[in-house]
Every structure is written in structure tokens, then in C-alpha cells.
Amino acid sequence: MKELSNRTARFTDSVIRRMTRISNKYGAVNLSQGFPDFDPPVQLLESLSTIASDPKPLYHQYSITLGSQAMREALAAKQEHFMGMPINPNENIVVTCGSTEAMMAAMMTVTNPGDKVVIFSPFYENYGADTILSGAEPIYVPLNPPTFDFDREVLEAAFRDNEPKA
């Protein structure tokens, strides 16, 4: 059998999962995930019940992956307003299934295998993973507490020594 890809060999479990295990172990309040300790508002539950039982609009179904035409047109109109240039909703708007897919699409659009990408640290855990999965190499530049500023010389060295994309 052919060996599996080693592309993800450097990945560990997510910080969210790790913090959930630690919270459970010590009985702590878990702020790493959205587990509310209250029921949803009654109005929301009633609206959901009404929408879910109406077979015509199918609001409870996934939308088409490229986004509805009305949504893309609304986004294009908003961007035209702020950018002052024409935006074609069918050629210039990219709709994704969540921010993770959007970040990966952006990373794969602007990087090539072997590129280096500067990532300020601490960072959202997908930045490093998206960089690696794109075939690029993350270069981490620390943000210094308590103000989370960065050392300009460290950033300049990251660009000078590694020729990163971003």
C-alpha cells in the first residue's frame, strides 16, 4: 500500500479540542467553544419550527456552494459602492462555505509551493495549517505582550532572510 501524505505530519490536535479536554479535566468554564449554559430564546425556536416545516422555501437546506444569485448581486452592489468600480457578481465575487474555506482559497491563490509566509504569533490556528497545506512555509514573528506589538527588526529579518509572500 502506498504511504499516506506527510503534508499534515507537523499538525497537532486543535487548540480548541485541547482546551476542551483541559476544561473538562478540571471542571473549568470552557471558553474555547460555544457551549451556552442556557436554552435558546423561545422566539428563535418557534421561528425555526415554522421555517423547518415549510417545504417550499427549503431554508433548512444547504445553499448552492457559489452562493445565491441575490446574495452575490447584493455583495457586488455593496462593493461597487465602496470601491467605485463595477463588480460582476458572477465573475468577481467568491462565496465560500465558511471562513476556513475562504482562508484556504486565499492562501492557495496567492502562494506557490516553497513560498514563505510571515505569520504574527499568537495567531488563529488555521493560519499555520493553511500555509503548510498550500505547500508554503510559515515564518512566525512574535507579538510581544502586553501591547502585542512587534519588533520591527525581527519582522524585517523575516522578510530579508526568508523572502515571504505576506
C-alpha atoms as a PDB file:
ATOM      1  CA  MET A   1       0.000   0.000   0.000  1.00  0.00           C
ATOM      2  CA  LYS A   2       1.259   3.456  -0.851  1.00  0.00           C
ATOM      3  CA  GLU A   3       2.264   5.605   2.115  1.00  0.00           C
ATOM      4  CA  LEU A   4      -0.070   8.433   3.093  1.00  0.00           C
ATOM      5  CA  SER A   5       0.890  12.050   2.513  1.00  0.00           C
ATOM      6  CA  ASN A   6       3.202  13.615   5.082  1.00  0.00           C
ATOM      7  CA  ARG A   7       1.760  17.068   4.420  1.00  0.00           C
ATOM      8  CA  THR A   8      -0.019  17.125   7.787  1.00  0.00           C
ATOM      9  CA  ALA A   9       2.676  15.348   9.834  1.00  0.00           C
ATOM     10  CA  ARG A  10       3.530  18.551  11.763  1.00  0.00           C
ATOM     11  CA  PHE A  11      -0.093  19.147  12.787  1.00  0.00           C
ATOM     12  CA  THR A  12      -1.283  18.505  16.308  1.00  0.00           C
ATOM     13  CA  ASP A  13      -4.837  18.396  17.583  1.00  0.00           C
ATOM     14  CA  SER A  14      -6.584  21.745  17.553  1.00  0.00           C
ATOM     15  CA  VAL A  15      -6.187  24.221  20.376  1.00  0.00           C
ATOM     16  CA  ILE A  16      -9.973  24.163  20.758  1.00  0.00           C
ATOM     17  CA  ARG A  17     -10.019  20.396  21.359  1.00  0.00           C
ATOM     18  CA  ARG A  18      -7.033  20.606  23.703  1.00  0.00           C
ATOM     19  CA  MET A  19      -8.654  23.372  25.776  1.00  0.00           C
ATOM     20  CA  THR A  20     -11.922  21.422  25.911  1.00  0.00           C
ATOM     21  CA  ARG A  21     -10.103  18.382  27.369  1.00  0.00           C
ATOM     22  CA  ILE A  22      -8.312  20.584  29.927  1.00  0.00           C
ATOM     23  CA  SER A  23     -11.568  22.350  30.858  1.00  0.00           C
ATOM     24  CA  ASN A  24     -13.331  19.013  31.311  1.00  0.00           C
ATOM     25  CA  LYS A  25     -10.469  17.612  33.382  1.00  0.00           C
ATOM     26  CA  TYR A  26     -10.522  20.495  35.868  1.00  0.00           C
ATOM     27  CA  GLY A  27     -14.223  21.386  35.723  1.00  0.00           C
ATOM     28  CA  ALA A  28     -13.369  24.811  34.301  1.00  0.00           C
ATOM     29  CA  VAL A  29     -15.584  27.091  32.247  1.00  0.00           C
ATOM     30  CA  ASN A  30     -14.840  26.212  28.624  1.00  0.00           C
ATOM     31  CA  LEU A  31     -14.408  29.422  26.648  1.00  0.00           C
ATOM     32  CA  SER A  32     -12.886  27.639  23.656  1.00  0.00           C
ATOM     33  CA  GLN A  33     -16.221  26.528  22.181  1.00  0.00           C
ATOM     34  CA  GLY A  34     -19.748  27.841  22.003  1.00  0.00           C
ATOM     35  CA  PHE A  35     -21.466  25.718  24.660  1.00  0.00           C
ATOM     36  CA  PRO A  36     -24.046  28.066  26.168  1.00  0.00           C
ATOM     37  CA  ASP A  37     -25.438  27.223  29.584  1.00  0.00           C
ATOM     38  CA  PHE A  38     -28.909  28.483  28.681  1.00  0.00           C
ATOM     39  CA  ASP A  39     -31.648  27.472  26.268  1.00  0.00           C
ATOM     40  CA  PRO A  40     -32.194  29.379  23.016  1.00  0.00           C
ATOM     41  CA  PRO A  41     -34.856  32.117  23.140  1.00  0.00           C
ATOM     42  CA  VAL A  42     -38.390  30.772  22.659  1.00  0.00           C
ATOM     43  CA  GLN A  43     -38.962  33.117  19.689  1.00  0.00           C
ATOM     44  CA  LEU A  44     -35.969  31.626  17.903  1.00  0.00           C
ATOM     45  CA  LEU A  45     -37.171  28.056  18.496  1.00  0.00           C
ATOM     46  CA  GLU A  46     -40.669  28.948  17.256  1.00  0.00           C
ATOM     47  CA  SER A  47     -39.272  30.597  14.110  1.00  0.00           C
ATOM     48  CA  LEU A  48     -37.036  27.599  13.469  1.00  0.00           C
ATOM     49  CA  SER A  49     -40.003  25.261  13.816  1.00  0.00           C
ATOM     50  CA  THR A  50     -42.031  27.315  11.329  1.00  0.00           C
ATOM     51  CA  ILE A  51     -39.216  27.544   8.782  1.00  0.00           C
ATOM     52  CA  ALA A  52     -38.184  23.888   9.087  1.00  0.00           C
ATOM     53  CA  SER A  53     -41.717  22.620   8.483  1.00  0.00           C
ATOM     54  CA  ASP A  54     -42.344  24.802   5.394  1.00  0.00           C
ATOM     55  CA  PRO A  55     -41.398  22.623   2.391  1.00  0.00           C
ATOM     56  CA  LYS A  56     -41.486  25.385  -0.225  1.00  0.00           C
ATOM     57  CA  PRO A  57     -38.538  27.704   0.528  1.00  0.00           C
ATOM     58  CA  LEU A  58     -36.273  24.954   1.953  1.00  0.00           C
ATOM     59  CA  TYR A  59     -34.435  27.388   4.228  1.00  0.00           C
ATOM     60  CA  HIS A  60     -33.146  24.391   6.154  1.00  0.00           C
ATOM     61  CA  GLN A  61     -31.211  23.071   3.134  1.00  0.00           C
ATOM     62  CA  TYR A  62     -27.680  23.961   2.133  1.00  0.00           C
ATOM     63  CA  SER A  63     -27.495  26.795  -0.328  1.00  0.00           C
ATOM     64  CA  ILE A  64     -25.703  26.332  -3.617  1.00  0.00           C
ATOM     65  CA  THR A  65     -21.963  26.452  -2.999  1.00  0.00           C
ATOM     66  CA  LEU A  66     -21.358  29.536  -5.113  1.00  0.00           C
ATOM     67  CA  GLY A  67     -23.956  31.485  -3.105  1.00  0.00           C
ATOM     68  CA  SER A  68     -27.391  32.573  -4.251  1.00  0.00           C
ATOM     69  CA  GLN A  69     -27.603  34.954  -7.173  1.00  0.00           C
ATOM     70  CA  ALA A  70     -29.397  37.538  -4.992  1.00  0.00           C
ATOM     71  CA  MET A  71     -26.632  37.407  -2.381  1.00  0.00           C
ATOM     72  CA  ARG A  72     -23.850  37.742  -4.962  1.00  0.00           C
ATOM     73  CA  GLU A  73     -25.666  40.684  -6.565  1.00  0.00           C
ATOM     74  CA  ALA A  74     -26.082  42.370  -3.169  1.00  0.00           C
ATOM     75  CA  LEU A  75     -22.373  41.843  -2.400  1.00  0.00           C
ATOM     76  CA  ALA A  76     -21.409  43.197  -5.808  1.00  0.00           C
ATOM     77  CA  ALA A  77     -23.589  46.296  -5.312  1.00  0.00           C
ATOM     78  CA  LYS A  78     -22.052  46.934  -1.881  1.00  0.00           C
ATOM     79  CA  GLN A  79     -18.508  46.552  -3.222  1.00  0.00           C
ATOM     80  CA  GLU A  80     -19.284  48.790  -6.209  1.00  0.00           C
ATOM     81  CA  HIS A  81     -20.486  51.448  -3.782  1.00  0.00           C
ATOM     82  CA  PHE A  82     -17.339  51.333  -1.634  1.00  0.00           C
ATOM     83  CA  MET A  83     -14.776  50.609  -4.345  1.00  0.00           C
ATOM     84  CA  GLY A  84     -16.149  52.931  -7.013  1.00  0.00           C
ATOM     85  CA  MET A  85     -15.716  50.369  -9.776  1.00  0.00           C
ATOM     86  CA  PRO A  86     -18.015  47.857 -11.474  1.00  0.00           C
ATOM     87  CA  ILE A  87     -18.182  44.399  -9.863  1.00  0.00           C
ATOM     88  CA  ASN A  88     -19.615  41.453 -11.779  1.00  0.00           C
ATOM     89  CA  PRO A  89     -21.480  39.209  -9.287  1.00  0.00           C
ATOM     90  CA  ASN A  90     -20.810  36.139 -11.447  1.00  0.00           C
ATOM     91  CA  GLU A  91     -17.109  36.753 -12.086  1.00  0.00           C
ATOM     92  CA  ASN A  92     -15.754  38.917  -9.245  1.00  0.00           C
ATOM     93  CA  ILE A  93     -17.481  37.525  -6.145  1.00  0.00           C
ATOM     94  CA  VAL A  94     -16.279  34.354  -4.400  1.00  0.00           C
ATOM     95  CA  VAL A  95     -18.606  32.771  -1.864  1.00  0.00           C
ATOM     96  CA  THR A  96     -17.226  30.095   0.430  1.00  0.00           C
ATOM     97  CA  CYS A  97     -18.650  27.647   2.946  1.00  0.00           C
ATOM     98  CA  GLY A  98     -17.245  29.427   5.978  1.00  0.00           C
ATOM     99  CA  SER A  99     -14.140  31.386   6.848  1.00  0.00           C
ATOM    100  CA  THR A 100     -11.848  28.346   6.919  1.00  0.00           C
ATOM    101  CA  GLU A 101     -12.569  27.638   3.260  1.00  0.00           C
ATOM    102  CA  ALA A 102     -12.178  31.332   2.443  1.00  0.00           C
ATOM    103  CA  MET A 103      -8.750  31.489   4.110  1.00  0.00           C
ATOM    104  CA  MET A 104      -7.604  28.335   2.325  1.00  0.00           C
ATOM    105  CA  ALA A 105      -8.840  29.654  -1.039  1.00  0.00           C
ATOM    106  CA  ALA A 106      -6.991  32.933  -0.438  1.00  0.00           C
ATOM    107  CA  MET A 107      -3.802  31.149   0.624  1.00  0.00           C
ATOM    108  CA  MET A 108      -3.827  28.851  -2.394  1.00  0.00           C
ATOM    109  CA  THR A 109      -4.490  31.842  -4.646  1.00  0.00           C
ATOM    110  CA  VAL A 110      -1.511  33.904  -3.515  1.00  0.00           C
ATOM    111  CA  THR A 111       1.130  31.293  -2.611  1.00  0.00           C
ATOM    112  CA  ASN A 112       3.071  28.678  -4.507  1.00  0.00           C
ATOM    113  CA  PRO A 113       4.757  25.604  -3.062  1.00  0.00           C
ATOM    114  CA  GLY A 114       8.021  26.661  -1.450  1.00  0.00           C
ATOM    115  CA  ASP A 115       6.920  30.260  -0.757  1.00  0.00           C
ATOM    116  CA  LYS A 116       7.428  31.601   2.741  1.00  0.00           C
ATOM    117  CA  VAL A 117       4.626  33.348   4.639  1.00  0.00           C
ATOM    118  CA  VAL A 118       5.054  35.601   7.694  1.00  0.00           C
ATOM    119  CA  ILE A 119       2.535  34.882  10.447  1.00  0.00           C
ATOM    120  CA  PHE A 120       2.340  37.025  13.574  1.00  0.00           C
ATOM    121  CA  SER A 121       2.218  34.895  16.721  1.00  0.00           C
ATOM    122  CA  PRO A 122      -0.037  34.294  18.611  1.00  0.00           C
ATOM    123  CA  PHE A 123      -2.328  33.512  15.710  1.00  0.00           C
ATOM    124  CA  TYR A 124      -5.532  31.713  14.761  1.00  0.00           C
ATOM    125  CA  GLU A 125      -4.525  28.072  14.482  1.00  0.00           C
ATOM    126  CA  ASN A 126      -5.550  27.688  10.829  1.00  0.00           C
ATOM    127  CA  TYR A 127      -3.026  30.268   9.581  1.00  0.00           C
ATOM    128  CA  GLY A 128      -0.113  27.886  10.029  1.00  0.00           C
ATOM    129  CA  ALA A 129      -2.061  24.858   8.784  1.00  0.00           C
ATOM    130  CA  ASP A 130      -3.340  26.694   5.691  1.00  0.00           C
ATOM    131  CA  THR A 131       0.196  27.832   4.907  1.00  0.00           C
ATOM    132  CA  ILE A 132       1.576  24.287   5.207  1.00  0.00           C
ATOM    133  CA  LEU A 133      -1.289  22.700   3.248  1.00  0.00           C
ATOM    134  CA  SER A 134      -0.663  25.236   0.485  1.00  0.00           C
ATOM    135  CA  GLY A 135       2.899  23.982   0.244  1.00  0.00           C
ATOM    136  CA  ALA A 136       4.329  27.174   1.696  1.00  0.00           C
ATOM    137  CA  GLU A 137       6.438  27.549   4.829  1.00  0.00           C
ATOM    138  CA  PRO A 138       5.270  29.616   7.818  1.00  0.00           C
ATOM    139  CA  ILE A 139       7.717  32.124   9.316  1.00  0.00           C
ATOM    140  CA  TYR A 140       6.490  33.153  12.769  1.00  0.00           C
ATOM    141  CA  VAL A 141       7.084  36.669  14.095  1.00  0.00           C
ATOM    142  CA  PRO A 142       6.207  37.086  17.788  1.00  0.00           C
ATOM    143  CA  LEU A 143       3.808  39.716  19.064  1.00  0.00           C
ATOM    144  CA  ASN A 144       5.029  40.976  22.419  1.00  0.00           C
ATOM    145  CA  PRO A 145       2.600  41.256  25.356  1.00  0.00           C
ATOM    146  CA  PRO A 146       1.095  43.208  26.950  1.00  0.00           C
ATOM    147  CA  THR A 147       0.595  45.539  23.960  1.00  0.00           C
ATOM    148  CA  PHE A 148       1.166  42.797  21.354  1.00  0.00           C
ATOM    149  CA  ASP A 149       3.414  44.972  19.270  1.00  0.00           C
ATOM    150  CA  PHE A 150       6.275  43.506  17.259  1.00  0.00           C
ATOM    151  CA  ASP A 151       9.965  44.161  16.927  1.00  0.00           C
ATOM    152  CA  ARG A 152      10.498  45.839  13.541  1.00  0.00           C
ATOM    153  CA  GLU A 153      13.956  44.312  13.228  1.00  0.00           C
ATOM    154  CA  VAL A 154      12.555  40.797  13.722  1.00  0.00           C
ATOM    155  CA  LEU A 155       9.905  41.443  11.055  1.00  0.00           C
ATOM    156  CA  GLU A 156      12.432  42.964   8.661  1.00  0.00           C
ATOM    157  CA  ALA A 157      14.751  39.979   9.220  1.00  0.00           C
ATOM    158  CA  ALA A 158      11.883  37.591   8.439  1.00  0.00           C
ATOM    159  CA  PHE A 159      11.350  39.343   5.124  1.00  0.00           C
ATOM    160  CA  ARG A 160      15.040  39.798   4.374  1.00  0.00           C
ATOM    161  CA  ASP A 161      16.132  36.265   5.294  1.00  0.00           C
ATOM    162  CA  ASN A 162      13.154  34.343   4.022  1.00  0.00           C
ATOM    163  CA  GLU A 163      11.566  36.365   1.208  1.00  0.00           C
ATOM    164  CA  PRO A 164       7.979  35.697   2.384  1.00  0.00           C
ATOM    165  CA  LYS A 165       4.798  36.375   0.415  1.00  0.00           C
ATOM    166  CA  ALA A 166       2.907  38.286   3.104  1.00  0.00           C
END
